[in-house]
N, C-alpha and C. Protein backbone atom coordinates (compact mmCIF):
# COMPACT_ATOMS: atom_id res chain seq x y z
N MET A 1 -83.03 -5.14 125.57
CA MET A 1 -81.86 -5.63 126.39
C MET A 1 -81.11 -4.43 126.85
N ALA A 2 -80.68 -4.44 128.13
CA ALA A 2 -79.88 -3.29 128.78
C ALA A 2 -78.50 -3.27 128.23
N LYS A 3 -78.13 -2.10 128.02
CA LYS A 3 -76.69 -1.84 127.46
C LYS A 3 -75.73 -1.72 128.74
N THR A 4 -74.68 -2.52 128.61
CA THR A 4 -73.59 -2.35 129.60
C THR A 4 -72.45 -1.55 129.10
N VAL A 5 -72.03 -0.59 129.84
CA VAL A 5 -70.96 0.34 129.61
C VAL A 5 -69.76 -0.08 130.49
N ILE A 6 -68.65 -0.34 129.89
CA ILE A 6 -67.42 -0.75 130.62
C ILE A 6 -66.37 0.40 130.33
N LYS A 7 -65.84 1.03 131.56
CA LYS A 7 -64.85 2.05 131.32
C LYS A 7 -63.61 1.39 131.81
N LEU A 8 -62.60 1.61 130.86
CA LEU A 8 -61.25 0.97 131.20
C LEU A 8 -60.44 2.17 131.69
N THR A 9 -59.72 1.99 132.85
CA THR A 9 -58.86 2.98 133.36
C THR A 9 -57.59 2.27 133.87
N ASN A 10 -56.61 3.09 133.66
CA ASN A 10 -55.15 2.53 134.21
C ASN A 10 -54.78 3.62 135.12
N ASP A 11 -54.69 3.25 136.39
CA ASP A 11 -54.32 4.23 137.36
C ASP A 11 -52.81 4.31 137.40
N ASP A 12 -52.10 3.41 136.78
CA ASP A 12 -50.56 3.41 136.72
C ASP A 12 -50.18 4.60 135.94
N ASP A 13 -51.03 5.13 135.16
CA ASP A 13 -50.69 6.27 134.21
C ASP A 13 -50.46 7.32 135.20
N TYR A 14 -51.04 7.52 136.22
CA TYR A 14 -51.16 8.55 137.16
C TYR A 14 -50.14 8.56 138.28
N ASP A 15 -48.96 7.84 138.07
CA ASP A 15 -48.15 7.57 139.05
C ASP A 15 -47.09 8.78 139.26
N PHE A 16 -47.62 9.69 139.72
CA PHE A 16 -46.70 11.05 139.92
C PHE A 16 -47.29 12.01 141.12
N ILE A 17 -46.53 12.72 141.62
CA ILE A 17 -46.95 13.64 142.69
C ILE A 17 -47.50 15.00 142.03
N VAL A 18 -48.55 15.50 142.46
CA VAL A 18 -49.15 16.72 142.00
C VAL A 18 -49.20 17.80 143.05
N ILE A 19 -48.58 18.86 142.82
CA ILE A 19 -48.60 19.84 144.02
C ILE A 19 -49.15 21.20 143.40
N GLY A 20 -50.14 21.76 143.83
CA GLY A 20 -50.72 23.00 143.45
C GLY A 20 -49.92 24.13 144.22
N ILE A 21 -49.62 25.19 143.36
CA ILE A 21 -48.85 26.30 143.96
C ILE A 21 -49.73 27.62 143.64
N VAL A 22 -49.81 28.40 144.67
CA VAL A 22 -50.41 29.73 144.61
C VAL A 22 -49.36 30.69 144.52
N CYS A 23 -49.13 31.48 143.53
CA CYS A 23 -47.94 32.53 143.41
C CYS A 23 -48.41 33.60 142.52
N GLN A 24 -48.31 34.69 142.92
CA GLN A 24 -48.60 35.96 142.14
C GLN A 24 -47.58 36.35 141.21
N HIS A 25 -46.40 35.71 141.16
CA HIS A 25 -45.29 36.18 140.29
C HIS A 25 -45.39 35.41 138.95
N ARG A 26 -44.64 35.91 138.12
CA ARG A 26 -44.61 35.33 136.80
C ARG A 26 -43.86 34.00 136.76
N ASP A 27 -44.10 33.22 135.83
CA ASP A 27 -43.57 31.86 135.81
C ASP A 27 -42.14 31.75 135.95
N TYR A 28 -41.45 32.57 135.24
CA TYR A 28 -39.98 32.52 135.26
C TYR A 28 -39.36 32.90 136.62
N ARG A 29 -40.09 33.70 137.32
CA ARG A 29 -39.65 34.15 138.67
C ARG A 29 -39.96 32.95 139.67
N LEU A 30 -41.06 32.34 139.66
CA LEU A 30 -41.21 31.05 140.37
C LEU A 30 -40.26 30.01 140.04
N CYS A 31 -40.04 29.79 138.76
CA CYS A 31 -39.06 28.79 138.34
C CYS A 31 -37.71 29.04 138.90
N HIS A 32 -37.21 30.25 138.88
CA HIS A 32 -35.98 30.57 139.51
C HIS A 32 -35.99 30.22 140.99
N GLU A 33 -36.97 30.55 141.66
CA GLU A 33 -37.07 30.26 143.21
C GLU A 33 -37.11 28.85 143.45
N LEU A 34 -37.79 27.98 142.56
CA LEU A 34 -37.68 26.54 142.75
C LEU A 34 -36.42 25.90 142.44
N ASN A 35 -35.81 26.49 141.42
CA ASN A 35 -34.37 26.08 141.13
C ASN A 35 -33.46 26.21 142.38
N GLN A 36 -33.56 27.42 142.95
CA GLN A 36 -32.71 27.71 144.09
C GLN A 36 -33.15 26.86 145.27
N LEU A 37 -34.46 26.79 145.69
CA LEU A 37 -34.83 26.10 146.75
C LEU A 37 -34.64 24.63 146.80
N LEU A 38 -35.09 24.00 145.54
CA LEU A 38 -35.07 22.55 145.48
C LEU A 38 -33.77 21.93 144.74
N HIS A 39 -32.89 22.85 144.42
CA HIS A 39 -31.59 22.45 143.69
C HIS A 39 -31.96 21.73 142.40
N LEU A 40 -32.86 22.38 141.60
CA LEU A 40 -33.25 21.85 140.40
C LEU A 40 -32.68 22.72 139.30
N ASN A 41 -32.88 22.41 137.94
CA ASN A 41 -32.54 23.19 136.95
C ASN A 41 -33.63 23.21 135.82
N LEU A 42 -34.76 23.69 136.31
CA LEU A 42 -35.93 23.77 135.53
C LEU A 42 -35.76 24.79 134.29
N ASN A 43 -36.03 24.26 133.12
CA ASN A 43 -35.76 25.10 131.84
C ASN A 43 -37.11 25.17 131.09
N LYS A 44 -37.25 26.25 130.41
CA LYS A 44 -38.44 26.63 129.68
C LYS A 44 -38.42 25.66 128.44
N LYS A 45 -39.53 25.00 128.21
CA LYS A 45 -39.81 24.25 126.98
C LYS A 45 -41.01 24.82 126.20
N GLU A 46 -41.31 24.12 125.16
CA GLU A 46 -42.40 24.63 124.32
C GLU A 46 -43.58 24.56 125.13
N ASP A 47 -44.55 25.45 125.01
CA ASP A 47 -45.81 25.49 125.74
C ASP A 47 -46.64 24.07 125.59
N TYR A 48 -47.15 23.84 126.69
CA TYR A 48 -47.87 22.55 126.80
C TYR A 48 -49.29 22.82 126.30
N SER A 49 -49.83 22.09 125.24
CA SER A 49 -51.15 22.39 124.56
C SER A 49 -52.04 21.34 125.05
N VAL A 50 -53.37 21.78 125.37
CA VAL A 50 -54.44 20.85 125.73
C VAL A 50 -55.65 21.40 124.97
N PHE A 51 -56.20 20.40 124.29
CA PHE A 51 -57.31 20.62 123.43
C PHE A 51 -58.63 20.83 124.16
N ASN A 52 -59.41 21.92 124.15
CA ASN A 52 -60.67 21.99 124.87
C ASN A 52 -61.85 21.54 123.89
N ASN A 53 -62.44 20.60 124.33
CA ASN A 53 -63.42 20.02 123.49
C ASN A 53 -64.76 20.90 123.40
N LYS A 54 -65.06 21.54 124.50
CA LYS A 54 -66.18 22.52 124.51
C LYS A 54 -65.98 23.65 123.55
N ARG A 55 -64.80 24.30 123.58
CA ARG A 55 -64.50 25.44 122.76
C ARG A 55 -63.97 25.09 121.34
N MET A 56 -63.45 23.74 121.34
CA MET A 56 -62.92 23.35 120.01
C MET A 56 -61.67 24.06 119.77
N GLU A 57 -60.78 24.30 120.76
CA GLU A 57 -59.49 25.03 120.46
C GLU A 57 -58.47 24.56 121.31
N ASP A 58 -57.26 24.82 121.04
CA ASP A 58 -56.09 24.48 121.88
C ASP A 58 -55.83 25.53 122.93
N HIS A 59 -55.33 25.09 124.12
CA HIS A 59 -54.98 25.96 125.12
C HIS A 59 -53.51 25.74 125.34
N ALA A 60 -52.73 26.82 125.32
CA ALA A 60 -51.28 26.70 125.60
C ALA A 60 -50.88 27.08 126.93
N PHE A 61 -50.24 26.30 127.70
CA PHE A 61 -49.78 26.54 129.11
C PHE A 61 -48.33 26.61 129.15
N SER A 62 -47.71 27.57 129.88
CA SER A 62 -46.34 27.83 130.09
C SER A 62 -45.79 26.38 130.71
N PHE A 63 -44.65 25.88 130.26
CA PHE A 63 -44.17 24.60 130.71
C PHE A 63 -42.60 24.63 130.89
N TYR A 64 -42.21 24.10 131.97
CA TYR A 64 -40.86 23.96 132.41
C TYR A 64 -40.53 22.60 132.71
N GLU A 65 -39.30 22.19 132.44
CA GLU A 65 -38.96 20.73 132.79
C GLU A 65 -37.58 20.56 133.23
N TYR A 66 -37.36 19.52 133.98
CA TYR A 66 -35.91 19.19 134.47
C TYR A 66 -35.93 17.61 134.77
N VAL A 67 -35.04 17.00 134.29
CA VAL A 67 -34.82 15.61 134.62
C VAL A 67 -33.41 15.32 135.25
N ASN A 68 -33.40 14.89 136.51
CA ASN A 68 -32.11 14.67 137.13
C ASN A 68 -31.41 13.45 136.71
N ALA A 69 -30.17 13.22 137.32
CA ALA A 69 -29.38 11.98 136.78
C ALA A 69 -30.12 10.72 137.22
N ASP A 70 -30.84 10.61 138.19
CA ASP A 70 -31.66 9.54 138.59
C ASP A 70 -32.87 9.13 137.69
N GLY A 71 -33.20 10.21 136.86
CA GLY A 71 -34.37 9.82 135.91
C GLY A 71 -35.67 10.51 136.64
N ASP A 72 -35.59 11.15 137.65
CA ASP A 72 -36.80 11.86 138.19
C ASP A 72 -37.10 13.10 137.35
N ARG A 73 -38.38 13.16 137.06
CA ARG A 73 -38.73 14.25 136.16
C ARG A 73 -39.73 15.28 136.86
N TYR A 74 -39.27 16.56 136.79
CA TYR A 74 -39.93 17.62 137.45
C TYR A 74 -40.47 18.48 136.40
N ASN A 75 -41.89 18.82 136.39
CA ASN A 75 -42.40 19.80 135.56
C ASN A 75 -43.16 20.91 136.28
N LEU A 76 -43.11 22.09 135.74
CA LEU A 76 -43.84 23.23 136.28
C LEU A 76 -44.74 23.61 135.23
N ILE A 77 -45.93 23.60 135.36
CA ILE A 77 -47.04 24.00 134.30
C ILE A 77 -47.97 25.16 134.96
N SER A 78 -48.12 26.18 134.11
CA SER A 78 -49.04 27.28 134.55
C SER A 78 -50.51 26.71 134.45
N ASN A 79 -51.35 26.93 135.46
CA ASN A 79 -52.59 26.48 135.50
C ASN A 79 -53.55 27.46 134.63
N ARG A 80 -52.99 28.57 134.16
CA ARG A 80 -53.89 29.53 133.54
C ARG A 80 -53.26 29.84 132.23
N CYS A 81 -54.06 30.14 131.28
CA CYS A 81 -53.56 30.82 129.91
C CYS A 81 -54.61 31.78 129.57
N SER A 82 -54.38 32.52 128.50
CA SER A 82 -55.37 33.47 128.13
C SER A 82 -56.75 32.88 127.65
N LYS A 83 -56.83 31.74 127.37
CA LYS A 83 -57.98 31.02 127.02
C LYS A 83 -58.72 30.22 128.00
N GLY A 84 -58.14 29.87 129.06
CA GLY A 84 -58.77 28.96 130.06
C GLY A 84 -57.88 28.57 131.10
N VAL A 85 -58.18 27.39 131.69
CA VAL A 85 -57.60 26.82 133.03
C VAL A 85 -57.27 25.28 132.59
N LEU A 86 -56.01 24.91 133.08
CA LEU A 86 -55.60 23.47 132.81
C LEU A 86 -56.47 22.66 133.74
N LEU A 87 -56.63 22.98 135.14
CA LEU A 87 -57.36 22.28 135.94
C LEU A 87 -58.49 23.09 136.52
N PRO A 88 -59.67 23.07 135.85
CA PRO A 88 -60.86 23.89 136.18
C PRO A 88 -61.40 23.71 137.58
N GLU A 89 -61.15 22.51 138.16
CA GLU A 89 -61.79 22.47 139.50
C GLU A 89 -60.76 22.87 140.42
N GLN A 90 -59.61 23.47 140.11
CA GLN A 90 -58.58 23.93 141.03
C GLN A 90 -58.28 25.41 140.54
N LYS A 91 -59.20 26.26 140.31
CA LYS A 91 -59.00 27.57 139.83
C LYS A 91 -58.12 28.48 140.63
N VAL A 92 -58.14 28.29 141.87
CA VAL A 92 -57.24 29.19 142.88
C VAL A 92 -55.80 28.86 142.67
N ILE A 93 -55.43 27.70 142.07
CA ILE A 93 -53.99 27.47 141.91
C ILE A 93 -53.43 28.13 140.70
N ASP A 94 -52.29 28.70 140.85
CA ASP A 94 -51.64 29.45 139.78
C ASP A 94 -50.80 28.37 138.88
N TYR A 95 -50.00 27.54 139.59
CA TYR A 95 -49.15 26.62 138.84
C TYR A 95 -49.31 25.16 139.43
N VAL A 96 -48.94 24.13 138.62
CA VAL A 96 -48.98 22.85 138.98
C VAL A 96 -47.57 22.22 138.82
N LEU A 97 -46.96 21.72 140.03
CA LEU A 97 -45.60 21.10 139.96
C LEU A 97 -45.96 19.59 139.95
N LEU A 98 -45.45 18.93 138.80
CA LEU A 98 -45.56 17.53 138.62
C LEU A 98 -44.23 16.92 138.98
N ILE A 99 -44.20 15.82 139.80
CA ILE A 99 -42.99 15.18 139.99
C ILE A 99 -43.21 13.66 139.71
N ARG A 100 -42.53 13.10 138.83
CA ARG A 100 -42.39 11.71 138.40
C ARG A 100 -41.15 10.97 138.92
N PRO A 101 -41.19 10.58 140.09
CA PRO A 101 -39.93 9.88 140.67
C PRO A 101 -39.65 8.57 139.97
N ASP A 102 -38.46 8.40 139.59
CA ASP A 102 -37.98 7.11 138.89
C ASP A 102 -37.25 6.16 139.93
N LYS A 103 -36.17 6.56 140.37
CA LYS A 103 -35.43 5.69 141.30
C LYS A 103 -35.36 6.18 142.74
N THR A 104 -35.56 7.47 143.03
CA THR A 104 -35.27 8.08 144.36
C THR A 104 -36.67 8.20 144.93
N ARG A 105 -36.71 8.12 146.22
CA ARG A 105 -37.86 8.29 147.07
C ARG A 105 -38.01 9.76 147.47
N ILE A 106 -39.11 10.32 147.25
CA ILE A 106 -39.27 11.81 147.50
C ILE A 106 -40.02 11.87 148.81
N ASP A 107 -39.54 12.71 149.79
CA ASP A 107 -40.21 12.98 151.03
C ASP A 107 -41.23 14.02 150.75
N GLU A 108 -42.44 13.77 150.57
CA GLU A 108 -43.45 14.86 150.22
C GLU A 108 -43.66 15.78 151.25
N SER A 109 -43.64 15.38 152.61
CA SER A 109 -43.84 16.37 153.72
C SER A 109 -42.79 17.35 153.79
N GLU A 110 -41.48 16.98 153.47
CA GLU A 110 -40.33 17.82 153.55
C GLU A 110 -40.39 18.76 152.31
N LEU A 111 -40.72 18.22 151.15
CA LEU A 111 -40.81 18.94 150.04
C LEU A 111 -41.93 20.12 150.11
N LEU A 112 -43.11 19.75 150.72
CA LEU A 112 -44.12 20.76 150.99
C LEU A 112 -43.65 21.77 151.95
N SER A 113 -43.02 21.42 152.98
CA SER A 113 -42.50 22.28 153.97
C SER A 113 -41.59 23.39 153.27
N ASN A 114 -40.65 22.73 152.43
CA ASN A 114 -39.67 23.74 151.79
C ASN A 114 -40.27 24.74 150.86
N LEU A 115 -41.37 24.16 150.23
CA LEU A 115 -42.13 24.95 149.30
C LEU A 115 -42.81 26.17 150.03
N LYS A 116 -43.37 25.85 151.21
CA LYS A 116 -44.09 26.75 152.03
C LYS A 116 -43.11 27.88 152.55
N ASN A 117 -41.86 27.61 152.58
CA ASN A 117 -40.95 28.66 153.16
C ASN A 117 -40.29 29.51 152.08
N ALA A 118 -40.78 29.21 150.82
CA ALA A 118 -40.29 30.17 149.74
C ALA A 118 -40.92 31.52 149.75
N LYS A 119 -40.19 32.46 149.48
CA LYS A 119 -40.63 33.92 149.44
C LYS A 119 -41.79 34.26 148.58
N VAL A 120 -41.75 33.67 147.40
CA VAL A 120 -42.70 33.99 146.31
C VAL A 120 -43.97 33.19 146.40
N ILE A 121 -44.01 32.12 147.12
CA ILE A 121 -45.13 31.10 147.15
C ILE A 121 -46.10 31.47 148.35
N LEU A 122 -47.31 31.80 148.03
CA LEU A 122 -48.41 32.19 148.95
C LEU A 122 -48.98 30.91 149.61
N GLY A 123 -49.12 29.78 148.77
CA GLY A 123 -49.86 28.50 149.22
C GLY A 123 -49.29 27.36 148.46
N VAL A 124 -49.31 26.09 149.08
CA VAL A 124 -48.84 24.95 148.49
C VAL A 124 -49.97 23.87 148.93
N TYR A 125 -50.35 23.10 147.91
CA TYR A 125 -51.45 21.95 148.19
C TYR A 125 -51.02 20.80 147.54
N ARG A 126 -51.16 19.75 148.33
CA ARG A 126 -50.99 18.30 147.62
C ARG A 126 -52.26 17.95 147.05
N LEU A 127 -52.25 17.71 145.74
CA LEU A 127 -53.59 17.41 145.15
C LEU A 127 -53.59 15.85 144.73
N GLU A 128 -54.77 15.06 145.03
CA GLU A 128 -54.85 13.75 144.77
C GLU A 128 -55.33 13.68 143.34
N VAL A 129 -54.36 13.15 142.46
CA VAL A 129 -54.52 13.21 141.16
C VAL A 129 -55.90 12.43 140.72
N LEU A 130 -56.14 11.30 141.24
CA LEU A 130 -57.12 10.45 140.99
C LEU A 130 -58.51 11.01 141.29
N LYS A 131 -58.55 12.07 142.13
CA LYS A 131 -59.74 12.82 142.42
C LYS A 131 -60.04 13.88 141.50
N LEU A 132 -59.12 14.23 140.78
CA LEU A 132 -59.46 15.46 139.72
C LEU A 132 -60.10 15.00 138.54
N LYS A 133 -61.13 15.74 138.19
CA LYS A 133 -61.87 15.49 137.02
C LYS A 133 -61.18 15.68 135.69
N SER A 134 -60.25 16.59 135.71
CA SER A 134 -59.55 16.91 134.47
C SER A 134 -58.04 16.35 134.65
N LYS A 135 -57.91 15.14 135.34
CA LYS A 135 -56.76 14.49 135.48
C LYS A 135 -55.93 14.20 134.27
N ASP A 136 -56.81 13.87 133.15
CA ASP A 136 -56.26 13.54 131.75
C ASP A 136 -55.31 14.77 131.27
N ASN A 137 -55.52 15.93 131.63
CA ASN A 137 -54.82 17.10 131.18
C ASN A 137 -53.40 17.00 131.67
N LEU A 138 -53.12 16.18 132.60
CA LEU A 138 -51.79 16.09 133.13
C LEU A 138 -51.05 14.93 132.59
N LEU A 139 -51.57 14.23 131.65
CA LEU A 139 -50.84 13.23 130.92
C LEU A 139 -50.19 13.65 129.69
N PHE A 140 -48.90 13.56 129.64
CA PHE A 140 -48.13 13.93 128.35
C PHE A 140 -46.88 13.00 128.06
């Protein structure tokens, strides 16, 4: 008898905007630039840990967070740490900006345009979260 495998997925879990940022500066410098440019107040939090099943070890990535009065959540996560990469299929990206809008509507094209004009940012890319193989690394 043939075995049937059913995979359950919930795409609602991935209801956020993912922007890849190429920047040669340290995380705190980029964070300061984003705070000035987007009128945010990103603050350093405890490193974001992801367990690597292949190496059987935790990877810790630099993590910043800001939640505005409307409940919109902004997270800046380093894509690299000393032990590995958060999104292995996006190795060229240095940082990941996650935006979870709650009540407000965010104009993505305007946001990308503003980010491209930043002094310290070399490149900005809108990532399709459902197409990422390692999208589960972005759930916390």
